[in-house]
Amino acid sequence: SKVHLDQYQPVAEAKGLHQRGGITLQELRTEVGPRVVDELVRT
């Protein structure tokens, strides 16, 4: 939850990532950073 709130959500909201249609995890890894997205997926 801390990673999501502190590292993922601010970037996703600032870039409007979840408003884009059909965005993939690979694109999220590029936009937010692979470390953050992979940590969220793994956890």
PDB file of all heavy atoms in Angstrom:
ATOM      1  N   SER A   1       0.830  -1.205   0.000  1.00  0.00           N
ATOM      2  CA  SER A   1       0.000   0.000   0.000  1.00  0.00           C
ATOM      3  C   SER A   1       0.868   1.260   0.000  1.00  0.00           C
ATOM      4  O   SER A   1       0.552   2.255  -0.671  1.00  0.00           O
ATOM      5  CB  SER A   1      -0.934   0.003   1.211  1.00  0.00           C
ATOM      6  OG  SER A   1      -1.882  -1.047   1.119  1.00  0.00           O
ATOM      7  N   LYS A   2       1.967   1.215   0.727  1.00  0.00           N
ATOM      8  CA  LYS A   2       2.856   2.377   0.801  1.00  0.00           C
ATOM      9  C   LYS A   2       3.519   2.630  -0.552  1.00  0.00           C
ATOM     10  O   LYS A   2       3.632   3.788  -0.990  1.00  0.00           O
ATOM     11  CB  LYS A   2       3.921   2.146   1.885  1.00  0.00           C
ATOM     12  CG  LYS A   2       4.832   3.341   2.113  1.00  0.00           C
ATOM     13  CD  LYS A   2       5.735   3.120   3.304  1.00  0.00           C
ATOM     14  CE  LYS A   2       6.687   4.297   3.503  1.00  0.00           C
ATOM     15  NZ  LYS A   2       5.951   5.577   3.733  1.00  0.00           N
ATOM     16  N   VAL A   3       3.973   1.568  -1.212  1.00  0.00           N
ATOM     17  CA  VAL A   3       4.570   1.729  -2.539  1.00  0.00           C
ATOM     18  C   VAL A   3       3.541   2.293  -3.509  1.00  0.00           C
ATOM     19  O   VAL A   3       3.843   3.194  -4.311  1.00  0.00           O
ATOM     20  CB  VAL A   3       5.115   0.377  -3.054  1.00  0.00           C
ATOM     21  CG1 VAL A   3       5.533   0.469  -4.517  1.00  0.00           C
ATOM     22  CG2 VAL A   3       6.298  -0.075  -2.197  1.00  0.00           C
ATOM     23  N   HIS A   4       2.325   1.777  -3.445  1.00  0.00           N
ATOM     24  CA  HIS A   4       1.264   2.235  -4.343  1.00  0.00           C
ATOM     25  C   HIS A   4       0.959   3.718  -4.128  1.00  0.00           C
ATOM     26  O   HIS A   4       0.879   4.501  -5.077  1.00  0.00           O
ATOM     27  CB  HIS A   4      -0.001   1.398  -4.111  1.00  0.00           C
ATOM     28  CG  HIS A   4      -1.065   1.624  -5.147  1.00  0.00           C
ATOM     29  ND1 HIS A   4      -1.468   0.637  -6.015  1.00  0.00           N
ATOM     30  CD2 HIS A   4      -1.812   2.724  -5.460  1.00  0.00           C
ATOM     31  CE1 HIS A   4      -2.410   1.117  -6.821  1.00  0.00           C
ATOM     32  NE2 HIS A   4      -2.637   2.387  -6.491  1.00  0.00           N
ATOM     33  N   LEU A   5       0.798   4.109  -2.852  1.00  0.00           N
ATOM     34  CA  LEU A   5       0.415   5.484  -2.534  1.00  0.00           C
ATOM     35  C   LEU A   5       1.555   6.486  -2.737  1.00  0.00           C
ATOM     36  O   LEU A   5       1.337   7.602  -3.222  1.00  0.00           O
ATOM     37  CB  LEU A   5      -0.084   5.557  -1.091  1.00  0.00           C
ATOM     38  CG  LEU A   5      -1.439   4.901  -0.808  1.00  0.00           C
ATOM     39  CD1 LEU A   5      -1.702   4.854   0.690  1.00  0.00           C
ATOM     40  CD2 LEU A   5      -2.561   5.648  -1.521  1.00  0.00           C
ATOM     41  N   ASP A   6       2.766   6.080  -2.365  1.00  0.00           N
ATOM     42  CA  ASP A   6       3.875   7.031  -2.367  1.00  0.00           C
ATOM     43  C   ASP A   6       4.650   7.078  -3.686  1.00  0.00           C
ATOM     44  O   ASP A   6       5.211   8.122  -4.037  1.00  0.00           O
ATOM     45  CB  ASP A   6       4.858   6.693  -1.232  1.00  0.00           C
ATOM     46  CG  ASP A   6       4.239   6.871   0.140  1.00  0.00           C
ATOM     47  OD1 ASP A   6       3.158   7.475   0.230  1.00  0.00           O
ATOM     48  OD2 ASP A   6       4.838   6.391   1.129  1.00  0.00           O
ATOM     49  N   GLN A   7       4.692   5.950  -4.404  1.00  0.00           N
ATOM     50  CA  GLN A   7       5.541   5.893  -5.587  1.00  0.00           C
ATOM     51  C   GLN A   7       4.778   5.715  -6.900  1.00  0.00           C
ATOM     52  O   GLN A   7       5.150   6.306  -7.921  1.00  0.00           O
ATOM     53  CB  GLN A   7       6.563   4.750  -5.437  1.00  0.00           C
ATOM     54  CG  GLN A   7       7.460   4.908  -4.219  1.00  0.00           C
ATOM     55  CD  GLN A   7       8.455   3.780  -4.077  1.00  0.00           C
ATOM     56  OE1 GLN A   7       9.125   3.421  -5.057  1.00  0.00           O
ATOM     57  NE2 GLN A   7       8.585   3.223  -2.889  1.00  0.00           N
ATOM     58  N   TYR A   8       3.727   4.909  -6.876  1.00  0.00           N
ATOM     59  CA  TYR A   8       3.010   4.638  -8.125  1.00  0.00           C
ATOM     60  C   TYR A   8       1.913   5.671  -8.392  1.00  0.00           C
ATOM     61  O   TYR A   8       1.865   6.279  -9.476  1.00  0.00           O
ATOM     62  CB  TYR A   8       2.399   3.238  -8.090  1.00  0.00           C
ATOM     63  CG  TYR A   8       1.528   2.946  -9.284  1.00  0.00           C
ATOM     64  CD1 TYR A   8       2.080   2.570 -10.501  1.00  0.00           C
ATOM     65  CD2 TYR A   8       0.137   3.067  -9.214  1.00  0.00           C
ATOM     66  CE1 TYR A   8       1.287   2.317 -11.619  1.00  0.00           C
ATOM     67  CE2 TYR A   8      -0.667   2.819 -10.309  1.00  0.00           C
ATOM     68  CZ  TYR A   8      -0.089   2.440 -11.514  1.00  0.00           C
ATOM     69  OH  TYR A   8      -0.880   2.198 -12.608  1.00  0.00           O
ATOM     70  N   GLN A   9       1.048   5.872  -7.439  1.00  0.00           N
ATOM     71  CA  GLN A   9      -0.144   6.681  -7.667  1.00  0.00           C
ATOM     72  C   GLN A   9       0.158   8.135  -8.053  1.00  0.00           C
ATOM     73  O   GLN A   9      -0.473   8.670  -8.980  1.00  0.00           O
ATOM     74  CB  GLN A   9      -1.046   6.635  -6.435  1.00  0.00           C
ATOM     75  CG  GLN A   9      -2.450   7.186  -6.673  1.00  0.00           C
ATOM     76  CD  GLN A   9      -3.410   6.770  -5.581  1.00  0.00           C
ATOM     77  OE1 GLN A   9      -3.616   5.588  -5.337  1.00  0.00           O
ATOM     78  NE2 GLN A   9      -3.988   7.760  -4.911  1.00  0.00           N
ATOM     79  N   PRO A  10       1.122   8.806  -7.403  1.00  0.00           N
ATOM     80  CA  PRO A  10       1.398  10.195  -7.804  1.00  0.00           C
ATOM     81  C   PRO A  10       1.808  10.327  -9.270  1.00  0.00           C
ATOM     82  O   PRO A  10       1.368  11.254  -9.969  1.00  0.00           O
ATOM     83  CB  PRO A  10       2.537  10.605  -6.861  1.00  0.00           C
ATOM     84  CG  PRO A  10       2.364   9.732  -5.660  1.00  0.00           C
ATOM     85  CD  PRO A  10       1.899   8.423  -6.210  1.00  0.00           C
ATOM     86  N   VAL A  11       2.637   9.394  -9.745  1.00  0.00           N
ATOM     87  CA  VAL A  11       3.081   9.446 -11.152  1.00  0.00           C
ATOM     88  C   VAL A  11       1.923   9.110 -12.082  1.00  0.00           C
ATOM     89  O   VAL A  11       1.708   9.772 -13.116  1.00  0.00           O
ATOM     90  CB  VAL A  11       4.258   8.484 -11.378  1.00  0.00           C
ATOM     91  CG1 VAL A  11       4.679   8.476 -12.849  1.00  0.00           C
ATOM     92  CG2 VAL A  11       5.435   8.858 -10.494  1.00  0.00           C
ATOM     93  N   ALA A  12       1.160   8.058 -11.735  1.00  0.00           N
ATOM     94  CA  ALA A  12       0.047   7.637 -12.589  1.00  0.00           C
ATOM     95  C   ALA A  12      -0.997   8.737 -12.721  1.00  0.00           C
ATOM     96  O   ALA A  12      -1.544   8.978 -13.811  1.00  0.00           O
ATOM     97  CB  ALA A  12      -0.591   6.366 -12.020  1.00  0.00           C
ATOM     98  N   GLU A  13      -1.272   9.433 -11.619  1.00  0.00           N
ATOM     99  CA  GLU A  13      -2.266  10.512 -11.656  1.00  0.00           C
ATOM    100  C   GLU A  13      -1.731  11.721 -12.419  1.00  0.00           C
ATOM    101  O   GLU A  13      -2.457  12.354 -13.194  1.00  0.00           O
ATOM    102  CB  GLU A  13      -2.662  10.906 -10.231  1.00  0.00           C
ATOM    103  CG  GLU A  13      -3.500   9.858  -9.517  1.00  0.00           C
ATOM    104  CD  GLU A  13      -3.859  10.271  -8.103  1.00  0.00           C
ATOM    105  OE1 GLU A  13      -3.316  11.299  -7.634  1.00  0.00           O
ATOM    106  OE2 GLU A  13      -4.666   9.578  -7.463  1.00  0.00           O
ATOM    107  N   ALA A  14      -0.471  12.040 -12.190  1.00  0.00           N
ATOM    108  CA  ALA A  14       0.114  13.214 -12.865  1.00  0.00           C
ATOM    109  C   ALA A  14       0.139  13.030 -14.382  1.00  0.00           C
ATOM    110  O   ALA A  14      -0.076  13.986 -15.141  1.00  0.00           O
ATOM    111  CB  ALA A  14       1.529  13.463 -12.343  1.00  0.00           C
ATOM    112  N   LYS A  15       0.358  11.803 -14.848  1.00  0.00           N
ATOM    113  CA  LYS A  15       0.435  11.534 -16.276  1.00  0.00           C
ATOM    114  C   LYS A  15      -0.895  11.054 -16.856  1.00  0.00           C
ATOM    115  O   LYS A  15      -0.977  10.813 -18.075  1.00  0.00           O
ATOM    116  CB  LYS A  15       1.522  10.487 -16.555  1.00  0.00           C
ATOM    117  CG  LYS A  15       2.929  10.959 -16.226  1.00  0.00           C
ATOM    118  CD  LYS A  15       3.975   9.918 -16.615  1.00  0.00           C
ATOM    119  CE  LYS A  15       5.372  10.433 -16.373  1.00  0.00           C
ATOM    120  NZ  LYS A  15       6.417   9.464 -16.806  1.00  0.00           N
ATOM    121  N   GLY A  16      -1.906  10.907 -15.989  1.00  0.00           N
ATOM    122  CA  GLY A  16      -3.205  10.434 -16.461  1.00  0.00           C
ATOM    123  C   GLY A  16      -3.143   9.059 -17.089  1.00  0.00           C
ATOM    124  O   GLY A  16      -3.855   8.771 -18.059  1.00  0.00           O
ATOM    125  N   LEU A  17      -2.330   8.191 -16.542  1.00  0.00           N
ATOM    126  CA  LEU A  17      -2.093   6.893 -17.166  1.00  0.00           C
ATOM    127  C   LEU A  17      -3.343   6.019 -17.202  1.00  0.00           C
ATOM    128  O   LEU A  17      -3.566   5.286 -18.175  1.00  0.00           O
ATOM    129  CB  LEU A  17      -0.970   6.158 -16.420  1.00  0.00           C
ATOM    130  CG  LEU A  17       0.396   6.856 -16.424  1.00  0.00           C
ATOM    131  CD1 LEU A  17       1.430   6.031 -15.672  1.00  0.00           C
ATOM    132  CD2 LEU A  17       0.863   7.098 -17.861  1.00  0.00           C
ATOM    133  N   HIS A  18      -4.153   6.062 -16.146  1.00  0.00           N
ATOM    134  CA  HIS A  18      -5.324   5.188 -16.100  1.00  0.00           C
ATOM    135  C   HIS A  18      -6.484   5.736 -16.911  1.00  0.00           C
ATOM    136  O   HIS A  18      -7.519   5.099 -17.028  1.00  0.00           O
ATOM    137  CB  HIS A  18      -5.738   4.952 -14.641  1.00  0.00           C
ATOM    138  CG  HIS A  18      -4.818   4.024 -13.919  1.00  0.00           C
ATOM    139  ND1 HIS A  18      -5.081   2.680 -13.774  1.00  0.00           N
ATOM    140  CD2 HIS A  18      -3.610   4.242 -13.327  1.00  0.00           C
ATOM    141  CE1 HIS A  18      -4.097   2.111 -13.097  1.00  0.00           C
ATOM    142  NE2 HIS A  18      -3.184   3.046 -12.826  1.00  0.00           N
ATOM    143  N   GLN A  19      -6.316   6.936 -17.455  1.00  0.00           N
ATOM    144  CA  GLN A  19      -7.336   7.463 -18.351  1.00  0.00           C
ATOM    145  C   GLN A  19      -7.060   7.080 -19.814  1.00  0.00           C
ATOM    146  O   GLN A  19      -7.908   7.265 -20.685  1.00  0.00           O
ATOM    147  CB  GLN A  19      -7.416   9.003 -18.243  1.00  0.00           C
ATOM    148  CG  GLN A  19      -8.217   9.497 -17.035  1.00  0.00           C
ATOM    149  CD  GLN A  19      -7.519   9.186 -15.725  1.00  0.00           C
ATOM    150  OE1 GLN A  19      -6.349   9.493 -15.572  1.00  0.00           O
ATOM    151  NE2 GLN A  19      -8.240   8.595 -14.792  1.00  0.00           N
ATOM    152  N   ARG A  20      -5.900   6.581 -20.067  1.00  0.00           N
ATOM    153  CA  ARG A  20      -5.570   6.119 -21.406  1.00  0.00           C
ATOM    154  C   ARG A  20      -6.254   4.775 -21.663  1.00  0.00           C
ATOM    155  O   ARG A  20      -6.314   3.920 -20.800  1.00  0.00           O
ATOM    156  CB  ARG A  20      -4.065   5.960 -21.588  1.00  0.00           C
ATOM    157  CG  ARG A  20      -3.275   7.240 -21.376  1.00  0.00           C
ATOM    158  CD  ARG A  20      -1.794   6.956 -21.591  1.00  0.00           C
ATOM    159  NE  ARG A  20      -0.968   8.101 -21.223  1.00  0.00           N
ATOM    160  CZ  ARG A  20       0.375   8.104 -21.277  1.00  0.00           C
ATOM    161  NH1 ARG A  20       1.015   7.021 -21.700  1.00  0.00           N
ATOM    162  NH2 ARG A  20       1.064   9.173 -20.919  1.00  0.00           N
ATOM    163  N   GLY A  21      -6.723   4.584 -22.833  1.00  0.00           N
ATOM    164  CA  GLY A  21      -7.378   3.322 -23.153  1.00  0.00           C
ATOM    165  C   GLY A  21      -6.384   2.231 -23.479  1.00  0.00           C
ATOM    166  O   GLY A  21      -5.468   2.427 -24.279  1.00  0.00           O
ATOM    167  N   GLY A  22      -6.558   1.074 -22.839  1.00  0.00           N
ATOM    168  CA  GLY A  22      -5.781  -0.109 -23.189  1.00  0.00           C
ATOM    169  C   GLY A  22      -4.307  -0.022 -22.888  1.00  0.00           C
ATOM    170  O   GLY A  22      -3.488  -0.615 -23.595  1.00  0.00           O
ATOM    171  N   ILE A  23      -3.920   0.686 -21.859  1.00  0.00           N
ATOM    172  CA  ILE A  23      -2.505   0.755 -21.491  1.00  0.00           C
ATOM    173  C   ILE A  23      -2.060  -0.587 -20.922  1.00  0.00           C
ATOM    174  O   ILE A  23      -2.807  -1.274 -20.220  1.00  0.00           O
ATOM    175  CB  ILE A  23      -2.254   1.900 -20.489  1.00  0.00           C
ATOM    176  CG1 ILE A  23      -0.742   2.139 -20.329  1.00  0.00           C
ATOM    177  CG2 ILE A  23      -2.893   1.599 -19.139  1.00  0.00           C
ATOM    178  CD1 ILE A  23      -0.409   3.415 -19.567  1.00  0.00           C
ATOM    179  N   THR A  24      -0.850  -0.975 -21.265  1.00  0.00           N
ATOM    180  CA  THR A  24      -0.340  -2.277 -20.828  1.00  0.00           C
ATOM    181  C   THR A  24       0.632  -2.100 -19.665  1.00  0.00           C
ATOM    182  O   THR A  24       1.104  -0.999 -19.384  1.00  0.00           O
ATOM    183  CB  THR A  24       0.393  -2.994 -21.976  1.00  0.00           C
ATOM    184  OG1 THR A  24       1.556  -2.235 -22.331  1.00  0.00           O
ATOM    185  CG2 THR A  24      -0.520  -3.137 -23.190  1.00  0.00           C
ATOM    186  N   LEU A  25       0.940  -3.213 -19.027  1.00  0.00           N
ATOM    187  CA  LEU A  25       1.916  -3.177 -17.931  1.00  0.00           C
ATOM    188  C   LEU A  25       3.282  -2.733 -18.431  1.00  0.00           C
ATOM    189  O   LEU A  25       4.010  -2.048 -17.726  1.00  0.00           O
ATOM    190  CB  LEU A  25       2.020  -4.552 -17.270  1.00  0.00           C
ATOM    191  CG  LEU A  25       0.947  -4.910 -16.239  1.00  0.00           C
ATOM    192  CD1 LEU A  25       1.195  -6.310 -15.693  1.00  0.00           C
ATOM    193  CD2 LEU A  25       0.932  -3.904 -15.092  1.00  0.00           C
ATOM    194  N   GLN A  26       3.627  -3.152 -19.654  1.00  0.00           N
ATOM    195  CA  GLN A  26       4.917  -2.741 -20.206  1.00  0.00           C
ATOM    196  C   GLN A  26       4.988  -1.224 -20.341  1.00  0.00           C
ATOM    197  O   GLN A  26       6.005  -0.596 -20.030  1.00  0.00           O
ATOM    198  CB  GLN A  26       5.158  -3.408 -21.556  1.00  0.00           C
ATOM    199  CG  GLN A  26       6.488  -3.064 -22.199  1.00  0.00           C
ATOM    200  CD  GLN A  26       7.681  -3.418 -21.312  1.00  0.00           C
ATOM    201  OE1 GLN A  26       7.728  -4.482 -20.704  1.00  0.00           O
ATOM    202  NE2 GLN A  26       8.646  -2.496 -21.218  1.00  0.00           N
ATOM    203  N   GLU A  27       3.882  -0.636 -20.771  1.00  0.00           N
ATOM    204  CA  GLU A  27       3.845   0.822 -20.903  1.00  0.00           C
ATOM    205  C   GLU A  27       3.890   1.487 -19.525  1.00  0.00           C
ATOM    206  O   GLU A  27       4.523   2.534 -19.349  1.00  0.00           O
ATOM    207  CB  GLU A  27       2.577   1.240 -21.652  1.00  0.00           C
ATOM    208  CG  GLU A  27       2.596   0.845 -23.127  1.00  0.00           C
ATOM    209  CD  GLU A  27       1.253   1.053 -23.802  1.00  0.00           C
ATOM    210  OE1 GLU A  27       0.207   0.928 -23.131  1.00  0.00           O
ATOM    211  OE2 GLU A  27       1.240   1.348 -25.011  1.00  0.00           O
ATOM    212  N   LEU A  28       3.230   0.864 -18.540  1.00  0.00           N
ATOM    213  CA  LEU A  28       3.284   1.404 -17.178  1.00  0.00           C
ATOM    214  C   LEU A  28       4.698   1.314 -16.626  1.00  0.00           C
ATOM    215  O   LEU A  28       5.157   2.211 -15.908  1.00  0.00           O
ATOM    216  CB  LEU A  28       2.311   0.640 -16.264  1.00  0.00           C
ATOM    217  CG  LEU A  28       0.824   0.934 -16.467  1.00  0.00           C
ATOM    218  CD1 LEU A  28      -0.026   0.023 -15.576  1.00  0.00           C
ATOM    219  CD2 LEU A  28       0.519   2.400 -16.142  1.00  0.00           C
ATOM    220  N   ARG A  29       5.402   0.236 -16.956  1.00  0.00           N
ATOM    221  CA  ARG A  29       6.781   0.093 -16.496  1.00  0.00           C
ATOM    222  C   ARG A  29       7.647   1.203 -17.078  1.00  0.00           C
ATOM    223  O   ARG A  29       8.562   1.699 -16.430  1.00  0.00           O
ATOM    224  CB  ARG A  29       7.342  -1.274 -16.876  1.00  0.00           C
ATOM    225  CG  ARG A  29       6.666  -2.428 -16.160  1.00  0.00           C
ATOM    226  CD  ARG A  29       7.202  -3.782 -16.619  1.00  0.00           C
ATOM    227  NE  ARG A  29       8.508  -4.054 -16.027  1.00  0.00           N
ATOM    228  CZ  ARG A  29       9.641  -4.101 -16.706  1.00  0.00           C
ATOM    229  NH1 ARG A  29       9.641  -3.857 -18.008  1.00  0.00           N
ATOM    230  NH2 ARG A  29      10.778  -4.372 -16.087  1.00  0.00           N
ATOM    231  N   THR A  30       7.361   1.571 -18.314  1.00  0.00           N
ATOM    232  CA  THR A  30       8.124   2.640 -18.963  1.00  0.00           C
ATOM    233  C   THR A  30       7.811   3.998 -18.349  1.00  0.00           C
ATOM    234  O   THR A  30       8.707   4.817 -18.100  1.00  0.00           O
ATOM    235  CB  THR A  30       7.825   2.671 -20.475  1.00  0.00           C
ATOM    236  OG1 THR A  30       8.167   1.401 -21.050  1.00  0.00           O
ATOM    237  CG2 THR A  30       8.606   3.778 -21.163  1.00  0.00           C
ATOM    238  N   GLU A  31       6.529   4.248 -18.107  1.00  0.00           N
ATOM    239  CA  GLU A  31       6.087   5.544 -17.613  1.00  0.00           C
ATOM    240  C   GLU A  31       6.410   5.748 -16.126  1.00  0.00           C
ATOM    241  O   GLU A  31       6.839   6.834 -15.710  1.00  0.00           O
ATOM    242  CB  GLU A  31       4.579   5.698 -17.827  1.00  0.00           C
ATOM    243  CG  GLU A  31       4.132   5.718 -19.270  1.00  0.00           C
ATOM    244  CD  GLU A  31       4.437   7.046 -19.936  1.00  0.00           C
ATOM    245  OE1 GLU A  31       4.866   7.991 -19.242  1.00  0.00           O
ATOM    246  OE2 GLU A  31       4.253   7.153 -21.165  1.00  0.00           O
ATOM    247  N   VAL A  32       6.176   4.721 -15.319  1.00  0.00           N
ATOM    248  CA  VAL A  32       6.341   4.852 -13.855  1.00  0.00           C
ATOM    249  C   VAL A  32       7.717   4.378 -13.409  1.00  0.00           C
ATOM    250  O   VAL A  32       8.294   4.907 -12.450  1.00  0.00           O
ATOM    251  CB  VAL A  32       5.233   4.064 -13.111  1.00  0.00           C
ATOM    252  CG1 VAL A  32       5.398   4.192 -11.606  1.00  0.00           C
ATOM    253  CG2 VAL A  32       3.855   4.558 -13.529  1.00  0.00           C
ATOM    254  N   GLY A  33       8.224   3.388 -14.092  1.00  0.00           N
ATOM    255  CA  GLY A  33       9.507   2.797 -13.695  1.00  0.00           C
ATOM    256  C   GLY A  33       9.328   1.313 -13.432  1.00  0.00           C
ATOM    257  O   GLY A  33       8.374   0.908 -12.749  1.00  0.00           O
ATOM    258  N   PRO A  34      10.215   0.493 -13.988  1.00  0.00           N
ATOM    259  CA  PRO A  34      10.055  -0.954 -13.841  1.00  0.00           C
ATOM    260  C   PRO A  34      10.139  -1.430 -12.392  1.00  0.00           C
ATOM    261  O   PRO A  34       9.456  -2.383 -12.009  1.00  0.00           O
ATOM    262  CB  PRO A  34      11.201  -1.529 -14.687  1.00  0.00           C
ATOM    263  CG  PRO A  34      12.197  -0.414 -14.787  1.00  0.00           C
ATOM    264  CD  PRO A  34      11.399   0.854 -14.786  1.00  0.00           C
ATOM    265  N   ARG A  35      10.975  -0.778 -11.604  1.00  0.00           N
ATOM    266  CA  ARG A  35      11.120  -1.233 -10.212  1.00  0.00           C
ATOM    267  C   ARG A  35       9.807  -1.123  -9.445  1.00  0.00           C
ATOM    268  O   ARG A  35       9.407  -2.060  -8.741  1.00  0.00           O
ATOM    269  CB  ARG A  35      12.201  -0.420  -9.498  1.00  0.00           C
ATOM    270  CG  ARG A  35      12.431  -0.873  -8.047  1.00  0.00           C
ATOM    271  CD  ARG A  35      13.387   0.069  -7.337  1.00  0.00           C
ATOM    272  NE  ARG A  35      12.849   1.420  -7.267  1.00  0.00           N
ATOM    273  CZ  ARG A  35      11.941   1.806  -6.349  1.00  0.00           C
ATOM    274  NH1 ARG A  35      11.457   0.938  -5.473  1.00  0.00           N
ATOM    275  NH2 ARG A  35      11.505   3.050  -6.342  1.00  0.00           N
ATOM    276  N   VAL A  36       9.114   0.001  -9.606  1.00  0.00           N
ATOM    277  CA  VAL A  36       7.868   0.223  -8.863  1.00  0.00           C
ATOM    278  C   VAL A  36       6.785  -0.738  -9.332  1.00  0.00           C
ATOM    279  O   VAL A  36       6.119  -1.393  -8.527  1.00  0.00           O
ATOM    280  CB  VAL A  36       7.394   1.683  -9.028  1.00  0.00           C
ATOM    281  CG1 VAL A  36       6.002   1.875  -8.399  1.00  0.00           C
ATOM    282  CG2 VAL A  36       8.395   2.635  -8.399  1.00  0.00           C
ATOM    283  N   VAL A  37       6.608  -0.834 -10.645  1.00  0.00           N
ATOM    284  CA  VAL A  37       5.540  -1.690 -11.178  1.00  0.00           C
ATOM    285  C   VAL A  37       5.818  -3.160 -10.864  1.00  0.00           C
ATOM    286  O   VAL A  37       4.915  -3.906 -10.453  1.00  0.00           O
ATOM    287  CB  VAL A  37       5.378  -1.475 -12.697  1.00  0.00           C
ATOM    288  CG1 VAL A  37       4.374  -2.481 -13.282  1.00  0.00           C
ATOM    289  CG2 VAL A  37       4.911  -0.051 -12.977  1.00  0.00           C
ATOM    290  N   ASP A  38       7.059  -3.594 -11.046  1.00  0.00           N
ATOM    291  CA  ASP A  38       7.390  -4.996 -10.761  1.00  0.00           C
ATOM    292  C   ASP A  38       7.210  -5.320  -9.275  1.00  0.00           C
ATOM    293  O   ASP A  38       6.775  -6.417  -8.925  1.00  0.00           O
ATOM    294  CB  ASP A  38       8.826  -5.297 -11.195  1.00  0.00           C
ATOM    295  CG  ASP A  38       8.994  -5.275 -12.716  1.00  0.00           C
ATOM    296  OD1 ASP A  38       7.955  -5.279 -13.419  1.00  0.00           O
ATOM    297  OD2 ASP A  38      10.147  -5.232 -13.188  1.00  0.00           O
ATOM    298  N   GLU A  39       7.543  -4.368  -8.411  1.00  0.00           N
ATOM    299  CA  GLU A  39       7.346  -4.576  -6.979  1.00  0.00           C
ATOM    300  C   GLU A  39       5.863  -4.730  -6.657  1.00  0.00           C
ATOM    301  O   GLU A  39       5.462  -5.591  -5.875  1.00  0.00           O
ATOM    302  CB  GLU A  39       7.940  -3.405  -6.202  1.00  0.00           C
ATOM    303  CG  GLU A  39       7.627  -3.399  -4.704  1.00  0.00           C
ATOM    304  CD  GLU A  39       8.334  -4.512  -3.947  1.00  0.00           C
ATOM    305  OE1 GLU A  39       9.242  -5.147  -4.524  1.00  0.00           O
ATOM    306  OE2 GLU A  39       7.971  -4.736  -2.782  1.00  0.00           O
ATOM    307  N   LEU A  40       5.030  -3.899  -7.282  1.00  0.00           N
ATOM    308  CA  LEU A  40       3.585  -4.005  -7.057  1.00  0.00           C
ATOM    309  C   LEU A  40       3.046  -5.346  -7.535  1.00  0.00           C
ATOM    310  O   LEU A  40       2.246  -5.989  -6.852  1.00  0.00           O
ATOM    311  CB  LEU A  40       2.854  -2.860  -7.771  1.00  0.00           C
ATOM    312  CG  LEU A  40       3.029  -1.458  -7.180  1.00  0.00           C
ATOM    313  CD1 LEU A  40       2.340  -0.427  -8.065  1.00  0.00           C
ATOM    314  CD2 LEU A  40       2.487  -1.390  -5.760  1.00  0.00           C
ATOM    315  N   VAL A  41       3.468  -5.768  -8.717  1.00  0.00           N
ATOM    316  CA  VAL A  41       2.985  -7.034  -9.281  1.00  0.00           C
ATOM    317  C   VAL A  41       3.422  -8.206  -8.406  1.00  0.00           C
ATOM    318  O   VAL A  41       2.624  -9.085  -8.047  1.00  0.00           O
ATOM    319  CB  VAL A  41       3.494  -7.218 -10.720  1.00  0.00           C
ATOM    320  CG1 VAL A  41       3.190  -8.642 -11.211  1.00  0.00           C
ATOM    321  CG2 VAL A  41       2.855  -6.199 -11.643  1.00  0.00           C
ATOM    322  N   ARG A  42       4.688  -8.221  -8.029  1.00  0.00           N
ATOM    323  CA  ARG A  42       5.227  -9.327  -7.237  1.00  0.00           C
ATOM    324  C   ARG A  42       4.550  -9.404  -5.864  1.00  0.00           C
ATOM    325  O   ARG A  42       4.150 -10.478  -5.408  1.00  0.00           O
ATOM    326  CB  ARG A  42       6.737  -9.149  -7.087  1.00  0.00           C
ATOM    327  CG  ARG A  42       7.405 -10.282  -6.305  1.00  0.00           C
ATOM    328  CD  ARG A  42       8.922 -10.170  -6.363  1.00  0.00           C
ATOM    329  NE  ARG A  42       9.391  -8.889  -5.852  1.00  0.00           N
ATOM    330  CZ  ARG A  42       9.876  -7.910  -6.625  1.00  0.00           C
ATOM    331  NH1 ARG A  42       9.935  -8.057  -7.936  1.00  0.00           N
ATOM    332  NH2 ARG A  42      10.301  -6.770  -6.092  1.00  0.00           N
ATOM    333  N   THR A  43       4.419  -8.257  -5.214  1.00  0.00           N
ATOM    334  CA  THR A  43       3.820  -8.244  -3.881  1.00  0.00           C
ATOM    335  C   THR A  43       2.338  -8.593  -3.930  1.00  0.00           C
ATOM    336  O   THR A  43       1.816  -9.288  -3.050  1.00  0.00           O
ATOM    337  CB  THR A  43       3.998  -6.861  -3.220  1.00  0.00           C
ATOM    338  OG1 THR A  43       5.361  -6.464  -3.307  1.00  0.00           O
ATOM    339  CG2 THR A  43       3.577  -6.903  -1.765  1.00  0.00           C
TER     340      THR A  43
END
